[in-house]
C-alpha atoms as a PDB file:
ATOM      1  CA  MET A   1      67.548  91.587 106.337  1.00  0.00           C
ATOM      2  CA  SER A   2      65.110  89.115 107.792  1.00  0.00           C
ATOM      3  CA  ASP A   3      62.707  89.843 110.638  1.00  0.00           C
ATOM      4  CA  GLY A   4      64.374  90.063 114.027  1.00  0.00           C
ATOM      5  CA  ARG A   5      66.424  92.364 116.143  1.00  0.00           C
ATOM      6  CA  VAL A   6      68.890  94.540 114.235  1.00  0.00           C
ATOM      7  CA  ILE A   7      71.847  95.853 116.186  1.00  0.00           C
ATOM      8  CA  SER A   8      74.315  98.486 115.058  1.00  0.00           C
ATOM      9  CA  ALA A   9      77.842  99.719 115.683  1.00  0.00           C
ATOM     10  CA  ALA A  10      80.292 102.192 114.183  1.00  0.00           C
ATOM     11  CA  ALA A  11      84.048 102.607 113.843  1.00  0.00           C
ATOM     12  CA  VAL A  12      86.275 105.296 112.344  1.00  0.00           C
ATOM     13  CA  ILE A  13      88.757 104.271 109.643  1.00  0.00           C
ATOM     14  CA  THR A  14      92.195 105.170 110.993  1.00  0.00           C
ATOM     15  CA  ASN A  15      94.135 103.175 108.398  1.00  0.00           C
ATOM     16  CA  PRO A  16      96.013 105.916 106.451  1.00  0.00           C
ATOM     17  CA  THR A  17      95.117 104.396 103.078  1.00  0.00           C
ATOM     18  CA  GLY A  18      91.448 103.896 103.911  1.00  0.00           C
ATOM     19  CA  LEU A  19      89.347 100.884 103.019  1.00  0.00           C
ATOM     20  CA  HIS A  20      91.295  99.630  99.987  1.00  0.00           C
ATOM     21  CA  ALA A  21      91.607  96.062  98.630  1.00  0.00           C
ATOM     22  CA  ARG A  22      93.520  94.347 101.442  1.00  0.00           C
ATOM     23  CA  PRO A  23      91.371  95.742 104.292  1.00  0.00           C
ATOM     24  CA  ALA A  24      88.191  95.096 102.272  1.00  0.00           C
ATOM     25  CA  VAL A  25      89.173  91.444 101.849  1.00  0.00           C
ATOM     26  CA  LYS A  26      89.937  91.121 105.559  1.00  0.00           C
ATOM     27  CA  LEU A  27      86.626  92.735 106.505  1.00  0.00           C
ATOM     28  CA  THR A  28      84.535  90.572 104.158  1.00  0.00           C
ATOM     29  CA  LYS A  29      86.400  87.403 105.121  1.00  0.00           C
ATOM     30  CA  LEU A  30      85.656  88.114 108.777  1.00  0.00           C
ATOM     31  CA  ALA A  31      82.020  88.986 107.982  1.00  0.00           C
ATOM     32  CA  LYS A  32      81.584  85.692 106.110  1.00  0.00           C
ATOM     33  CA  SER A  33      82.726  83.777 109.187  1.00  0.00           C
ATOM     34  CA  PHE A  34      79.481  84.745 110.945  1.00  0.00           C
ATOM     35  CA  GLU A  35      75.976  83.487 110.328  1.00  0.00           C
ATOM     36  CA  ALA A  36      74.518  86.946 110.913  1.00  0.00           C
ATOM     37  CA  GLN A  37      73.540  89.142 108.001  1.00  0.00           C
ATOM     38  CA  LEU A  38      75.853  92.155 107.965  1.00  0.00           C
ATOM     39  CA  ARG A  39      75.779  95.415 106.092  1.00  0.00           C
ATOM     40  CA  LEU A  40      77.704  98.657 106.250  1.00  0.00           C
ATOM     41  CA  ARG A  41      77.733 102.199 104.956  1.00  0.00           C
ATOM     42  CA  VAL A  42      80.181 105.094 104.909  1.00  0.00           C
ATOM     43  CA  GLY A  43      78.939 108.076 106.906  1.00  0.00           C
ATOM     44  CA  GLU A  44      75.479 108.626 108.329  1.00  0.00           C
ATOM     45  CA  ASN A  45      73.881 109.197 104.923  1.00  0.00           C
ATOM     46  CA  GLY A  46      75.726 106.553 102.884  1.00  0.00           C
ATOM     47  CA  LYS A  47      74.011 103.697 101.068  1.00  0.00           C
ATOM     48  CA  TRP A  48      73.901 100.363 102.866  1.00  0.00           C
ATOM     49  CA  THR A  49      75.817  97.515 101.246  1.00  0.00           C
ATOM     50  CA  ASP A  50      76.474  93.837 101.925  1.00  0.00           C
ATOM     51  CA  ALA A  51      79.514  93.504 104.219  1.00  0.00           C
ATOM     52  CA  LYS A  52      80.182  89.997 102.854  1.00  0.00           C
ATOM     53  CA  SER A  53      80.802  91.178  99.270  1.00  0.00           C
ATOM     54  CA  VAL A  54      84.359  92.306  98.451  1.00  0.00           C
ATOM     55  CA  ALA A  55      83.218  94.124  95.301  1.00  0.00           C
ATOM     56  CA  ARG A  56      80.501  96.039  97.137  1.00  0.00           C
ATOM     57  CA  VAL A  57      82.760  96.949 100.050  1.00  0.00           C
ATOM     58  CA  LEU A  58      85.445  98.176  97.625  1.00  0.00           C
ATOM     59  CA  SER A  59      82.856 100.256  95.771  1.00  0.00           C
ATOM     60  CA  LEU A  60      82.389 102.339  98.943  1.00  0.00           C
ATOM     61  CA  LYS A  61      85.847 103.914  98.403  1.00  0.00           C
ATOM     62  CA  ALA A  62      85.996 104.836 102.074  1.00  0.00           C
ATOM     63  CA  PRO A  63      88.975 107.085 102.902  1.00  0.00           C
ATOM     64  CA  ALA A  64      90.759 107.447 106.223  1.00  0.00           C
ATOM     65  CA  GLY A  65      88.811 109.473 108.777  1.00  0.00           C
ATOM     66  CA  GLN A  66      85.366 108.307 107.624  1.00  0.00           C
ATOM     67  CA  THR A  67      83.020 106.478 109.963  1.00  0.00           C
ATOM     68  CA  LEU A  68      81.817 103.030 108.961  1.00  0.00           C
ATOM     69  CA  PHE A  69      78.346 102.192 110.259  1.00  0.00           C
ATOM     70  CA  PHE A  70      77.424  98.524 110.609  1.00  0.00           C
ATOM     71  CA  GLU A  71      74.142  96.694 111.109  1.00  0.00           C
ATOM     72  CA  ALA A  72      73.797  93.022 111.926  1.00  0.00           C
ATOM     73  CA  GLU A  73      70.931  90.620 112.375  1.00  0.00           C
ATOM     74  CA  GLY A  74      71.122  86.980 113.332  1.00  0.00           C
ATOM     75  CA  PRO A  75      72.152  84.587 116.071  1.00  0.00           C
ATOM     76  CA  ASP A  76      75.751  85.844 116.324  1.00  0.00           C
ATOM     77  CA  ALA A  77      75.122  89.491 115.385  1.00  0.00           C
ATOM     78  CA  ALA A  78      76.627  90.978 118.565  1.00  0.00           C
ATOM     79  CA  GLU A  79      79.798  88.908 118.256  1.00  0.00           C
ATOM     80  CA  ALA A  80      80.073  89.759 114.550  1.00  0.00           C
ATOM     81  CA  LEU A  81      79.789  93.509 115.166  1.00  0.00           C
ATOM     82  CA  SER A  82      82.254  93.366 118.040  1.00  0.00           C
ATOM     83  CA  ASN A  83      84.851  91.541 115.929  1.00  0.00           C
ATOM     84  CA  ILE A  84      84.366  93.671 112.815  1.00  0.00           C
ATOM     85  CA  THR A  85      84.527  97.026 114.603  1.00  0.00           C
ATOM     86  CA  GLU A  86      87.619  95.829 116.468  1.00  0.00           C
ATOM     87  CA  LEU A  87      89.239  94.927 113.116  1.00  0.00           C
ATOM     88  CA  VAL A  88      88.558  98.474 111.859  1.00  0.00           C
ATOM     89  CA  ARG A  89      89.984  99.969 115.079  1.00  0.00           C
ATOM     90  CA  ARG A  90      93.140  97.838 114.641  1.00  0.00           C
ATOM     91  CA  ASN A  91      93.686  99.393 111.176  1.00  0.00           C
ATOM     92  CA  PHE A  92      92.573  96.114 109.589  1.00  0.00           C
ATOM     93  CA  ASP A  93      95.729  94.548 111.073  1.00  0.00           C
ATOM     94  CA  GLU A  94      97.786  96.468 108.531  1.00  0.00           C
ATOM     95  CA  GLY A  95     101.373  96.588 109.775  1.00  0.00           C
ATOM     96  CA  SER A  96     104.175  98.646 108.374  1.00  0.00           C
ATOM     97  CA  GLN A  97     105.180  98.214 104.725  1.00  0.00           C
ATOM     98  CA  ARG A  98     108.241  96.278 105.916  1.00  0.00           C
ATOM     99  CA  GLU A  99     106.113  93.876 107.994  1.00  0.00           C
ATOM    100  CA  ARG A 100     103.949  93.129 104.944  1.00  0.00           C
ATOM    101  CA  GLN A 101     106.910  92.773 102.572  1.00  0.00           C
ATOM    102  CA  PHE A 102     106.462  89.060 101.938  1.00  0.00           C
ATOM    103  CA  GLU A 103     102.778  88.655 102.738  1.00  0.00           C
ATOM    104  CA  GLY A 104     100.276  88.195  99.935  1.00  0.00           C
ATOM    105  CA  GLN A 105      96.524  88.527 100.220  1.00  0.00           C
ATOM    106  CA  VAL A 106      93.996  87.028  97.834  1.00  0.00           C
ATOM    107  CA  ALA A 107      91.426  89.649  96.832  1.00  0.00           C
ATOM    108  CA  SER A 108      89.299  87.405  94.609  1.00  0.00           C
ATOM    109  CA  ALA A 109      89.701  84.390  92.355  1.00  0.00           C
ATOM    110  CA  GLY A 110      92.448  85.171  89.864  1.00  0.00           C
ATOM    111  CA  LEU A 111      93.586  88.349  91.606  1.00  0.00           C
ATOM    112  CA  GLY A 112      96.291  88.621  94.237  1.00  0.00           C
ATOM    113  CA  ASP A 113      97.850  91.495  96.108  1.00  0.00           C
ATOM    114  CA  GLY A 114     101.321  91.328  97.580  1.00  0.00           C
ATOM    115  CA  PHE A 115     104.995  91.636  96.837  1.00  0.00           C
ATOM    116  CA  LEU A 116     107.056  89.432  94.561  1.00  0.00           C
ATOM    117  CA  VAL A 117     110.763  89.043  95.140  1.00  0.00           C
ATOM    118  CA  VAL A 118     112.745  87.207  92.470  1.00  0.00           C
ATOM    119  CA  CYS A 119     116.203  86.015  93.394  1.00  0.00           C
ATOM    120  CA  SER A 120     118.480  84.859  90.596  1.00  0.00           C
ATOM    121  CA  ARG A 121     122.124  84.868  89.660  1.00  0.00           C
ATOM    122  CA  PRO A 122     123.178  87.636  87.292  1.00  0.00           C
ATOM    123  CA  GLN A 123     124.094  86.623  83.754  1.00  0.00           C
ATOM    124  CA  MET A 124     127.668  87.484  82.839  1.00  0.00           C
ATOM    125  CA  ASP A 125     128.840  87.289  79.243  1.00  0.00           C
ATOM    126  CA  GLY A 126     131.831  85.030  78.780  1.00  0.00           C
ATOM    127  CA  PHE A 127     131.416  83.348  82.157  1.00  0.00           C
ATOM    128  CA  ASN A 128     130.402  79.721  82.090  1.00  0.00           C
ATOM    129  CA  GLY A 129     130.302  79.182  85.844  1.00  0.00           C
ATOM    130  CA  THR A 130     133.437  77.066  86.074  1.00  0.00           C
ATOM    131  CA  GLU A 131     136.587  77.925  87.954  1.00  0.00           C
ATOM    132  CA  ALA A 132     139.611  79.129  86.038  1.00  0.00           C
ATOM    133  CA  ALA A 133     142.043  76.371  85.097  1.00  0.00           C
ATOM    134  CA  ASN A 134     144.954  78.782  85.391  1.00  0.00           C
ATOM    135  CA  PRO A 135     144.316  81.686  87.800  1.00  0.00           C
ATOM    136  CA  GLN A 136     147.505  83.504  86.743  1.00  0.00           C
ATOM    137  CA  ALA A 137     146.416  83.473  83.087  1.00  0.00           C
ATOM    138  CA  GLU A 138     142.941  84.693  84.077  1.00  0.00           C
ATOM    139  CA  ARG A 139     144.521  87.490  86.130  1.00  0.00           C
ATOM    140  CA  LYS A 140     146.554  88.599  83.069  1.00  0.00           C
ATOM    141  CA  LEU A 141     143.399  88.628  80.941  1.00  0.00           C
ATOM    142  CA  LEU A 142     141.614  90.730  83.574  1.00  0.00           C
ATOM    143  CA  GLU A 143     144.491  93.206  83.815  1.00  0.00           C
ATOM    144  CA  GLY A 144     144.554  93.493  80.011  1.00  0.00           C
ATOM    145  CA  ALA A 145     140.802  94.173  79.902  1.00  0.00           C
ATOM    146  CA  LEU A 146     141.125  96.815  82.631  1.00  0.00           C
ATOM    147  CA  ALA A 147     144.005  98.505  80.769  1.00  0.00           C
ATOM    148  CA  ARG A 148     141.958  98.599  77.527  1.00  0.00           C
ATOM    149  CA  ALA A 149     138.985 100.050  79.397  1.00  0.00           C
ATOM    150  CA  ALA A 150     141.218 102.747  80.953  1.00  0.00           C
ATOM    151  CA  LEU A 151     142.555 103.675  77.491  1.00  0.00           C
ATOM    152  CA  GLN A 152     139.033 103.901  76.082  1.00  0.00           C
ATOM    153  CA  LEU A 153     137.993 106.175  78.952  1.00  0.00           C
ATOM    154  CA  GLU A 154     140.995 108.442  78.335  1.00  0.00           C
ATOM    155  CA  ARG A 155     140.093 108.644  74.621  1.00  0.00           C
ATOM    156  CA  LEU A 156     136.517 109.543  75.533  1.00  0.00           C
ATOM    157  CA  LYS A 157     137.748 112.345  77.789  1.00  0.00           C
ATOM    158  CA  SER A 158     140.095 113.765  75.145  1.00  0.00           C
ATOM    159  CA  ASP A 159     137.444 113.517  72.369  1.00  0.00           C
ATOM    160  CA  GLY A 160     134.903 115.457  74.416  1.00  0.00           C
ATOM    161  CA  GLY A 161     132.880 112.412  75.466  1.00  0.00           C
ATOM    162  CA  THR A 162     132.148 110.869  72.063  1.00  0.00           C
ATOM    163  CA  MET A 163     133.545 107.646  70.742  1.00  0.00           C
ATOM    164  CA  ALA A 164     133.974 106.996  67.025  1.00  0.00           C
END
């Protein structure tokens, strides 16, 4: 860090999953929004690392219950530390799994973290998506198919569960 006054702060990780990808991205994104130089370490004897680098923050592998120590230097250092420690105290704004169900978070270029939900119509053999021209005839076909299926099930039961 450059010459000047260095201030420090600390916060305990209460997020149950620790400082994993999503919280690390949130922390570094917030750190990058300040002009101050910021660094952090895990525990009193940990190695200092750049708080604006996702890769370096992830490399800390900080579990829940550990204390993160921060140092900042620059024109907005106090504001930066206040905001960052508050983010840690708020569990990195991690809500419940249900609250995050449709939220994605970019971790780095080419890498995303989130949930994907694909909605599509099921494919059904023999169904072309059109309505039946003759519902009574379709009903007879359905009843015939159900009767054949019932016979096959009865044969399976009587043959001990194997079908020739």
